N, C-alpha and C. Protein backbone atom coordinates (compact mmCIF):
# COMPACT_ATOMS: atom_id res chain seq x y z
N MET A 1 0.66 -1.04 0.19
CA MET A 1 -0.09 -0.18 0.05
C MET A 1 0.67 1.24 0.00
N ALA A 2 1.80 1.23 0.85
CA ALA A 2 2.67 2.11 0.94
C ALA A 2 3.35 2.79 -0.57
N GLU A 3 3.78 1.37 -1.17
CA GLU A 3 3.90 1.65 -2.54
C GLU A 3 3.01 2.09 -3.51
N ASP A 4 1.91 1.65 -3.54
CA ASP A 4 0.95 2.69 -4.18
C ASP A 4 0.99 3.76 -4.26
N ASN A 5 1.04 4.28 -2.65
CA ASN A 5 0.81 5.78 -2.53
C ASN A 5 2.14 6.72 -2.78
N ASN A 6 3.59 6.03 -2.45
CA ASN A 6 4.29 6.65 -3.50
C ASN A 6 4.74 6.75 -4.70
N ASN A 7 4.20 5.88 -5.76
CA ASN A 7 4.03 5.93 -7.13
C ASN A 7 2.83 7.05 -7.64
N CYS A 8 1.74 7.28 -6.64
CA CYS A 8 0.54 8.19 -6.87
C CYS A 8 1.23 9.14 -6.79
N MET A 9 2.20 9.83 -5.91
CA MET A 9 2.88 10.87 -5.36
C MET A 9 4.05 10.91 -6.61
N GLU A 10 4.56 10.27 -6.96
CA GLU A 10 5.47 10.52 -8.09
C GLU A 10 4.62 10.80 -9.42
N THR A 11 3.48 10.34 -9.43
CA THR A 11 2.69 10.67 -10.95
C THR A 11 2.24 12.07 -10.39
N VAL A 12 1.94 12.57 -9.38
CA VAL A 12 1.21 13.90 -8.92
C VAL A 12 2.36 14.90 -9.56
N ASN A 13 3.57 14.84 -8.89
CA ASN A 13 4.77 15.59 -9.06
C ASN A 13 5.34 15.58 -10.58
N LYS A 14 4.82 14.75 -11.26
CA LYS A 14 5.00 14.74 -12.83
C LYS A 14 4.48 15.47 -13.38
N ILE A 15 3.13 15.58 -13.18
CA ILE A 15 1.73 16.43 -13.35
C ILE A 15 1.83 17.50 -13.27
N LEU A 16 2.32 17.96 -11.70
CA LEU A 16 2.49 19.49 -11.49
C LEU A 16 3.77 19.87 -12.33
N LYS A 17 4.91 19.40 -12.45
CA LYS A 17 6.01 20.10 -13.51
C LYS A 17 5.50 20.40 -14.74
N VAL A 18 4.41 19.41 -15.46
CA VAL A 18 4.05 20.08 -16.52
C VAL A 18 3.12 21.23 -16.52
N LEU A 19 2.61 21.32 -15.71
CA LEU A 19 1.55 22.30 -15.70
C LEU A 19 2.21 23.64 -15.17
N GLU A 20 3.25 23.53 -13.86
CA GLU A 20 4.11 25.12 -13.69
C GLU A 20 4.99 24.98 -15.25
N ALA A 21 5.67 24.56 -16.08
CA ALA A 21 5.91 24.82 -16.78
C ALA A 21 4.68 25.60 -18.00
N ILE A 22 4.05 24.94 -17.95
CA ILE A 22 2.55 25.57 -19.06
C ILE A 22 2.26 26.99 -18.23
N PHE A 23 2.20 27.07 -17.18
CA PHE A 23 1.81 28.24 -16.43
C PHE A 23 3.13 29.63 -16.80
N LEU A 24 4.34 28.87 -16.60
CA LEU A 24 5.29 29.74 -16.59
C LEU A 24 5.43 30.54 -18.07
N VAL A 25 5.46 29.29 -19.18
CA VAL A 25 5.57 29.75 -20.21
C VAL A 25 4.36 30.81 -20.84
N ILE A 26 3.54 30.81 -20.46
CA ILE A 26 2.61 31.53 -20.77
C ILE A 26 2.44 32.88 -20.12
N CYS A 27 2.73 33.17 -18.96
CA CYS A 27 2.89 34.32 -18.33
C CYS A 27 4.01 35.13 -18.71
N THR A 28 4.92 34.22 -19.06
CA THR A 28 6.29 34.91 -19.70
C THR A 28 5.97 35.32 -21.19
N SER A 29 5.14 34.92 -21.45
CA SER A 29 5.14 34.92 -23.17
C SER A 29 3.76 36.36 -23.00
N ALA A 30 2.89 36.21 -22.52
CA ALA A 30 2.15 37.28 -22.42
C ALA A 30 2.76 38.78 -21.87
N VAL A 31 3.59 38.94 -21.27
CA VAL A 31 3.86 39.88 -20.34
C VAL A 31 4.99 39.93 -21.28
N GLY A 32 5.85 39.66 -21.88
CA GLY A 32 6.91 39.78 -22.91
C GLY A 32 6.24 40.78 -24.08
N TYR A 33 5.11 40.14 -24.67
CA TYR A 33 4.45 40.42 -25.68
C TYR A 33 3.98 41.85 -25.40
N TYR A 34 3.56 42.12 -24.16
CA TYR A 34 3.51 43.56 -23.73
C TYR A 34 4.31 44.37 -23.69
N LEU A 35 5.50 43.95 -23.20
CA LEU A 35 6.69 44.77 -22.79
C LEU A 35 7.40 44.82 -24.37
N ASN A 36 7.56 43.93 -25.64
CA ASN A 36 8.06 43.94 -26.76
C ASN A 36 7.42 45.04 -27.45
N ASN A 37 5.94 45.35 -27.42
CA ASN A 37 5.44 46.19 -28.38
C ASN A 37 5.10 47.29 -27.55
N ARG A 38 5.52 47.77 -26.19
CA ARG A 38 4.93 49.29 -25.79
C ARG A 38 5.80 50.06 -26.25
N GLU A 39 5.13 50.83 -26.74
CA GLU A 39 6.07 52.11 -27.34
C GLU A 39 6.67 52.81 -26.18
N GLY A 40 8.11 53.51 -26.22
CA GLY A 40 7.99 54.86 -25.14
C GLY A 40 8.96 53.83 -24.30
N TYR A 41 9.38 54.53 -23.15
CA TYR A 41 9.60 54.08 -21.99
C TYR A 41 9.20 54.59 -21.18
N PHE A 42 8.52 54.09 -19.87
CA PHE A 42 7.39 54.34 -18.78
C PHE A 42 8.15 53.98 -17.53
N ASP A 43 7.68 54.50 -16.38
CA ASP A 43 8.43 54.10 -15.05
C ASP A 43 8.28 52.94 -14.97
N ASP A 44 7.33 52.03 -15.02
CA ASP A 44 7.01 50.73 -14.19
C ASP A 44 7.64 49.54 -15.07
N ARG A 45 8.47 50.07 -16.03
CA ARG A 45 9.06 49.01 -16.94
C ARG A 45 10.28 48.22 -16.03
N LYS A 46 10.64 48.46 -14.99
CA LYS A 46 11.37 47.29 -14.16
C LYS A 46 10.62 46.23 -13.57
N LYS A 47 9.75 46.88 -13.22
CA LYS A 47 8.55 45.44 -12.45
C LYS A 47 8.57 44.55 -13.52
N LEU A 48 8.09 45.09 -14.76
CA LEU A 48 7.78 43.95 -15.99
C LEU A 48 8.85 42.79 -16.39
N GLU A 49 10.22 44.23 -16.23
CA GLU A 49 11.48 42.95 -16.67
C GLU A 49 12.14 42.03 -15.56
N PHE A 50 11.24 42.27 -14.41
CA PHE A 50 11.51 41.88 -12.97
C PHE A 50 11.05 40.51 -13.00
N PHE A 51 9.64 40.64 -13.68
CA PHE A 51 8.76 39.65 -13.83
C PHE A 51 9.16 38.74 -14.73
N ILE A 52 9.93 39.12 -16.10
CA ILE A 52 10.16 38.05 -16.73
C ILE A 52 11.42 37.38 -16.51
N ASP A 53 12.34 38.35 -15.79
CA ASP A 53 13.85 37.56 -14.95
C ASP A 53 13.34 36.33 -13.83
N ALA A 54 12.03 36.52 -13.44
CA ALA A 54 11.46 35.84 -12.33
C ALA A 54 10.81 34.24 -13.29
N SER A 55 10.21 34.66 -14.05
CA SER A 55 9.78 33.85 -14.85
C SER A 55 10.66 32.95 -15.55
N VAL A 56 11.84 33.63 -16.33
CA VAL A 56 12.62 32.36 -16.93
C VAL A 56 13.78 32.04 -15.89
N VAL A 57 13.55 32.42 -14.74
CA VAL A 57 14.44 31.44 -13.65
C VAL A 57 13.55 29.94 -13.33
N SER A 58 12.16 30.66 -13.14
CA SER A 58 11.66 29.86 -12.49
C SER A 58 11.16 28.51 -13.49
N ILE A 59 11.04 28.94 -15.08
CA ILE A 59 11.02 27.91 -15.90
C ILE A 59 12.42 27.20 -16.06
N THR A 60 13.38 27.69 -15.95
CA THR A 60 14.57 27.00 -15.70
C THR A 60 14.55 26.06 -15.15
N VAL A 61 14.29 26.18 -13.34
CA VAL A 61 14.18 25.41 -12.70
C VAL A 61 13.48 24.13 -13.02
N VAL A 62 12.45 24.46 -13.27
CA VAL A 62 11.21 23.25 -13.40
C VAL A 62 11.77 22.31 -14.76
N ALA A 63 12.33 22.99 -15.51
CA ALA A 63 13.08 22.40 -16.76
C ALA A 63 13.95 21.48 -16.30
N LEU A 64 15.16 21.81 -15.20
CA LEU A 64 16.11 21.25 -14.88
C LEU A 64 15.36 19.86 -13.95
N PHE A 65 14.11 20.08 -13.04
CA PHE A 65 13.78 18.92 -12.47
C PHE A 65 13.14 18.36 -12.85
N ILE A 66 12.36 18.43 -14.15
CA ILE A 66 11.76 17.70 -15.15
C ILE A 66 12.98 16.95 -15.95
N LEU A 67 14.09 16.93 -16.13
CA LEU A 67 15.07 16.52 -16.03
C LEU A 67 15.55 15.41 -15.22
N ILE A 68 15.53 16.16 -14.31
CA ILE A 68 16.03 15.19 -13.26
C ILE A 68 15.45 14.17 -13.22
N TRP A 69 13.86 14.44 -13.24
CA TRP A 69 12.88 13.11 -12.34
C TRP A 69 12.80 12.11 -14.14
N LEU A 70 12.83 12.66 -15.10
CA LEU A 70 13.12 11.87 -16.20
C LEU A 70 14.53 10.88 -16.58
N PHE A 71 15.27 11.25 -15.73
CA PHE A 71 16.65 10.39 -15.48
C PHE A 71 16.44 9.81 -14.33
N GLU A 72 15.43 10.09 -13.28
CA GLU A 72 15.38 9.32 -11.92
C GLU A 72 16.71 9.86 -11.21
N ILE A 73 17.20 10.87 -11.05
CA ILE A 73 18.37 10.91 -10.20
C ILE A 73 17.75 12.25 -9.03
N HIS A 74 16.69 12.27 -9.01
CA HIS A 74 16.34 13.11 -7.88
C HIS A 74 16.13 13.06 -6.56
N ASN A 75 16.71 13.87 -5.59
CA ASN A 75 16.69 13.87 -4.23
C ASN A 75 16.22 14.52 -3.28
N ARG A 76 16.06 14.56 -2.25
CA ARG A 76 15.07 15.28 -1.27
C ARG A 76 15.66 16.77 -1.63
N ALA A 77 14.60 17.85 -2.51
CA ALA A 77 15.21 19.01 -2.36
C ALA A 77 14.18 19.83 -2.70
N GLY A 78 12.89 19.27 -1.77
CA GLY A 78 11.39 20.29 -2.18
C GLY A 78 11.67 21.49 -1.57
N PHE A 79 12.54 22.53 -0.88
CA PHE A 79 12.35 23.33 -0.44
C PHE A 79 12.78 24.42 -1.49
N VAL A 80 13.60 23.71 -3.01
CA VAL A 80 13.67 24.76 -4.14
C VAL A 80 12.31 25.03 -4.65
N PHE A 81 11.24 24.29 -4.75
CA PHE A 81 10.21 24.83 -5.23
C PHE A 81 9.46 25.83 -4.66
N PHE A 82 9.90 25.98 -2.63
CA PHE A 82 9.29 27.33 -2.11
C PHE A 82 10.01 28.01 -2.52
N VAL A 83 11.12 28.10 -2.71
CA VAL A 83 12.06 29.46 -2.98
C VAL A 83 11.08 29.91 -4.08
N VAL A 84 11.25 28.97 -5.60
CA VAL A 84 11.12 29.44 -6.69
C VAL A 84 9.62 30.09 -6.42
N ALA A 85 8.78 29.56 -5.50
CA ALA A 85 7.62 30.00 -5.67
C ALA A 85 7.18 31.44 -5.09
N ILE A 86 8.01 31.30 -3.52
CA ILE A 86 8.17 33.19 -3.42
C ILE A 86 8.89 33.70 -4.46
N LEU A 87 9.64 33.74 -5.07
CA LEU A 87 10.25 34.44 -5.92
C LEU A 87 8.91 35.02 -7.06
N MET A 88 8.19 33.76 -7.72
CA MET A 88 7.39 33.99 -8.72
C MET A 88 5.67 35.04 -7.69
N LEU A 89 6.12 34.85 -6.40
CA LEU A 89 4.88 35.30 -5.74
C LEU A 89 5.40 36.75 -5.87
N ILE A 90 6.63 37.24 -5.54
CA ILE A 90 6.92 38.51 -5.43
C ILE A 90 6.88 39.25 -6.79
N ALA A 91 6.99 38.46 -8.16
CA ALA A 91 7.01 38.96 -9.14
C ALA A 91 5.41 39.27 -9.82
N SER A 92 4.81 38.31 -9.20
CA SER A 92 3.51 38.13 -10.02
C SER A 92 2.84 39.38 -9.04
N SER A 93 3.16 39.56 -7.56
CA SER A 93 2.74 40.95 -6.77
C SER A 93 3.03 42.13 -7.40
N LEU A 94 4.00 42.29 -7.90
CA LEU A 94 4.29 43.77 -8.41
C LEU A 94 4.00 43.98 -9.95
N LEU A 95 3.58 42.83 -10.37
CA LEU A 95 2.47 43.05 -11.58
C LEU A 95 1.31 43.05 -11.56
N ALA A 96 0.65 42.69 -10.53
CA ALA A 96 -0.30 42.92 -10.43
C ALA A 96 -0.68 44.15 -9.88
N LYS A 97 -0.02 45.00 -8.84
CA LYS A 97 0.47 46.38 -9.37
C LYS A 97 0.55 47.44 -10.53
N PHE A 98 1.27 46.89 -11.21
CA PHE A 98 0.91 47.58 -12.68
C PHE A 98 -0.17 46.88 -13.27
N ASP A 99 -0.72 45.97 -13.29
CA ASP A 99 -1.78 45.69 -13.90
C ASP A 99 -3.01 46.68 -13.75
N ALA A 100 -2.85 47.14 -12.31
CA ALA A 100 -4.24 48.03 -11.88
C ALA A 100 -3.71 49.40 -12.29
N ASP A 101 -2.47 49.78 -12.41
CA ASP A 101 -1.76 50.97 -12.81
C ASP A 101 -2.58 51.09 -14.54
N CYS A 102 -2.12 50.08 -14.69
CA CYS A 102 -2.26 49.50 -16.69
C CYS A 102 -3.92 50.25 -17.00
N ASN A 103 -4.59 49.44 -15.93
CA ASN A 103 -5.99 49.48 -16.45
C ASN A 103 -6.99 50.93 -15.79
N ASP A 104 -5.84 51.79 -14.91
CA ASP A 104 -6.09 53.02 -14.80
C ASP A 104 -6.23 53.90 -15.95
N GLU A 105 -4.84 53.84 -16.29
CA GLU A 105 -4.41 54.96 -17.47
C GLU A 105 -5.14 54.55 -18.82
N LYS A 106 -5.82 53.48 -18.99
CA LYS A 106 -6.73 53.08 -20.15
C LYS A 106 -6.04 53.02 -21.46
N ASN A 107 -4.61 51.94 -21.58
CA ASN A 107 -3.89 52.32 -22.43
C ASN A 107 -4.33 51.96 -23.66
N SER A 108 -4.05 52.89 -24.82
CA SER A 108 -5.25 52.69 -25.89
C SER A 108 -4.42 52.05 -27.05
N ASN A 109 -2.95 51.81 -27.01
CA ASN A 109 -2.21 51.31 -27.79
C ASN A 109 -2.63 49.92 -28.41
N GLY A 110 -3.18 49.77 -29.42
CA GLY A 110 -3.76 48.90 -30.50
C GLY A 110 -2.79 47.77 -30.28
N LYS A 111 -0.85 47.51 -30.34
CA LYS A 111 -0.27 46.53 -30.13
C LYS A 111 -0.29 45.61 -28.85
N SER A 112 -0.23 46.24 -28.04
CA SER A 112 -0.19 45.95 -26.13
C SER A 112 -1.00 46.50 -25.77
N ARG A 113 -2.11 45.69 -25.04
CA ARG A 113 -3.05 46.29 -24.45
C ARG A 113 -2.95 45.54 -22.79
N CYS A 114 -3.50 45.99 -21.80
CA CYS A 114 -3.78 45.39 -20.77
C CYS A 114 -3.99 44.29 -20.19
N SER A 115 -4.50 43.62 -21.18
CA SER A 115 -5.15 42.38 -21.09
C SER A 115 -3.83 40.95 -20.95
N GLN A 116 -2.61 41.60 -21.54
CA GLN A 116 -1.36 40.43 -21.24
C GLN A 116 -1.18 41.03 -20.19
N ILE A 117 -0.70 41.92 -19.55
CA ILE A 117 -0.32 41.90 -18.25
C ILE A 117 -1.33 41.24 -17.24
N THR A 118 -3.13 41.58 -17.67
CA THR A 118 -3.55 40.20 -16.77
C THR A 118 -3.42 38.87 -16.58
N ALA A 119 -3.07 38.89 -17.91
CA ALA A 119 -3.05 37.08 -18.41
C ALA A 119 -1.87 36.88 -17.56
N GLY A 120 -0.64 37.49 -17.45
CA GLY A 120 0.56 37.18 -16.86
C GLY A 120 0.18 37.27 -15.64
N VAL A 121 -0.39 37.86 -14.70
CA VAL A 121 -0.64 37.67 -13.32
C VAL A 121 -1.36 36.85 -12.99
N VAL A 122 -2.16 36.21 -13.70
CA VAL A 122 -3.52 35.14 -13.52
C VAL A 122 -2.43 34.08 -13.84
N THR A 123 -1.74 33.66 -14.55
CA THR A 123 -1.21 32.64 -14.67
C THR A 123 0.14 32.73 -13.81
N GLY A 124 0.85 33.97 -13.69
CA GLY A 124 2.15 33.71 -12.68
C GLY A 124 1.10 33.58 -11.32
N PHE A 125 0.41 33.61 -10.96
CA PHE A 125 -0.34 33.37 -9.79
C PHE A 125 -0.71 31.69 -9.73
N CYS A 126 -1.08 31.32 -11.03
CA CYS A 126 -1.50 29.86 -11.00
C CYS A 126 -0.04 28.81 -10.99
N ALA A 127 0.70 29.94 -11.47
CA ALA A 127 2.39 29.03 -11.52
C ALA A 127 2.83 28.52 -10.25
N VAL A 128 2.56 29.89 -9.02
CA VAL A 128 2.70 30.20 -7.87
C VAL A 128 2.19 28.89 -6.91
N VAL A 129 1.02 28.91 -7.21
CA VAL A 129 0.11 27.88 -6.26
C VAL A 129 0.53 26.46 -6.95
N ALA A 130 0.60 26.21 -7.92
CA ALA A 130 1.29 24.70 -8.39
C ALA A 130 2.73 24.30 -8.18
N LEU A 131 3.38 25.40 -7.78
CA LEU A 131 5.01 25.24 -7.24
C LEU A 131 4.63 25.07 -5.74
N VAL A 132 3.87 26.03 -4.97
CA VAL A 132 3.85 25.10 -3.69
C VAL A 132 3.09 23.79 -3.47
N VAL A 133 1.98 23.68 -4.44
CA VAL A 133 1.66 22.13 -4.11
C VAL A 133 2.72 21.29 -4.34
N ASP A 134 3.19 21.67 -5.15
CA ASP A 134 4.23 20.80 -5.80
C ASP A 134 5.58 20.57 -4.96
N ALA A 135 5.77 21.36 -4.04
CA ALA A 135 6.86 21.34 -3.03
C ALA A 135 6.10 21.06 -1.64
N ILE A 136 4.84 20.90 -1.63
CA ILE A 136 4.15 19.92 -0.37
C ILE A 136 3.96 18.84 -0.98
N VAL A 137 3.62 18.41 -2.33
CA VAL A 137 3.82 16.83 -2.41
C VAL A 137 5.38 16.40 -2.32
N TYR A 138 5.85 17.02 -2.60
CA TYR A 138 7.18 16.33 -3.04
C TYR A 138 8.05 16.15 -1.63
N CYS A 139 7.44 17.14 -0.56
CA CYS A 139 7.91 17.25 1.33
C CYS A 139 6.94 15.73 1.70
N MET A 140 5.81 15.44 1.15
CA MET A 140 5.06 14.38 1.64
C MET A 140 5.62 13.17 1.28
N ARG A 141 6.05 13.19 -0.01
CA ARG A 141 6.66 11.80 -0.56
C ARG A 141 8.11 11.46 0.15
N SER A 142 8.62 12.82 0.68
CA SER A 142 10.33 12.25 0.65
C SER A 142 10.38 12.48 2.44
N SER A 143 9.04 12.80 2.97
CA SER A 143 9.25 13.03 4.38
C SER A 143 10.09 14.40 4.72
N CYS A 144 10.13 15.14 3.85
CA CYS A 144 10.92 16.31 4.25
C CYS A 144 12.14 16.28 4.90
N ARG A 145 12.81 15.39 4.54
CA ARG A 145 14.11 14.79 5.16
C ARG A 145 15.34 15.60 4.28
């Protein structure tokens, strides 16, 4: 019975890794599109760049752990997902503040609208939830040793 539970947890971990990767790619591409097509300099550009940087770091960590799982060389490192989740939480929170400001200014630029930022915020927070759940499942599976 314990082995069945362990196999189930391993399957959940793999599914969460795929979900994390999908959420992170969507949020990075949505915000990147906005940033790339926004004309002129604006004050909150650093928030967007930080979000992109945090997303890329998160994607890299998730991709690395996908490779570790594929080659079955994983060891007990669930805390890494907590750290990445905190990084994405900070980045998504900063982006949410920018989204509120963006919606207030009623950006009329045809190429980039505030909806890309909203998509980045939503999928960024979804990635945070998936990362936290993954860390919890990982800790439950390995007893957080």
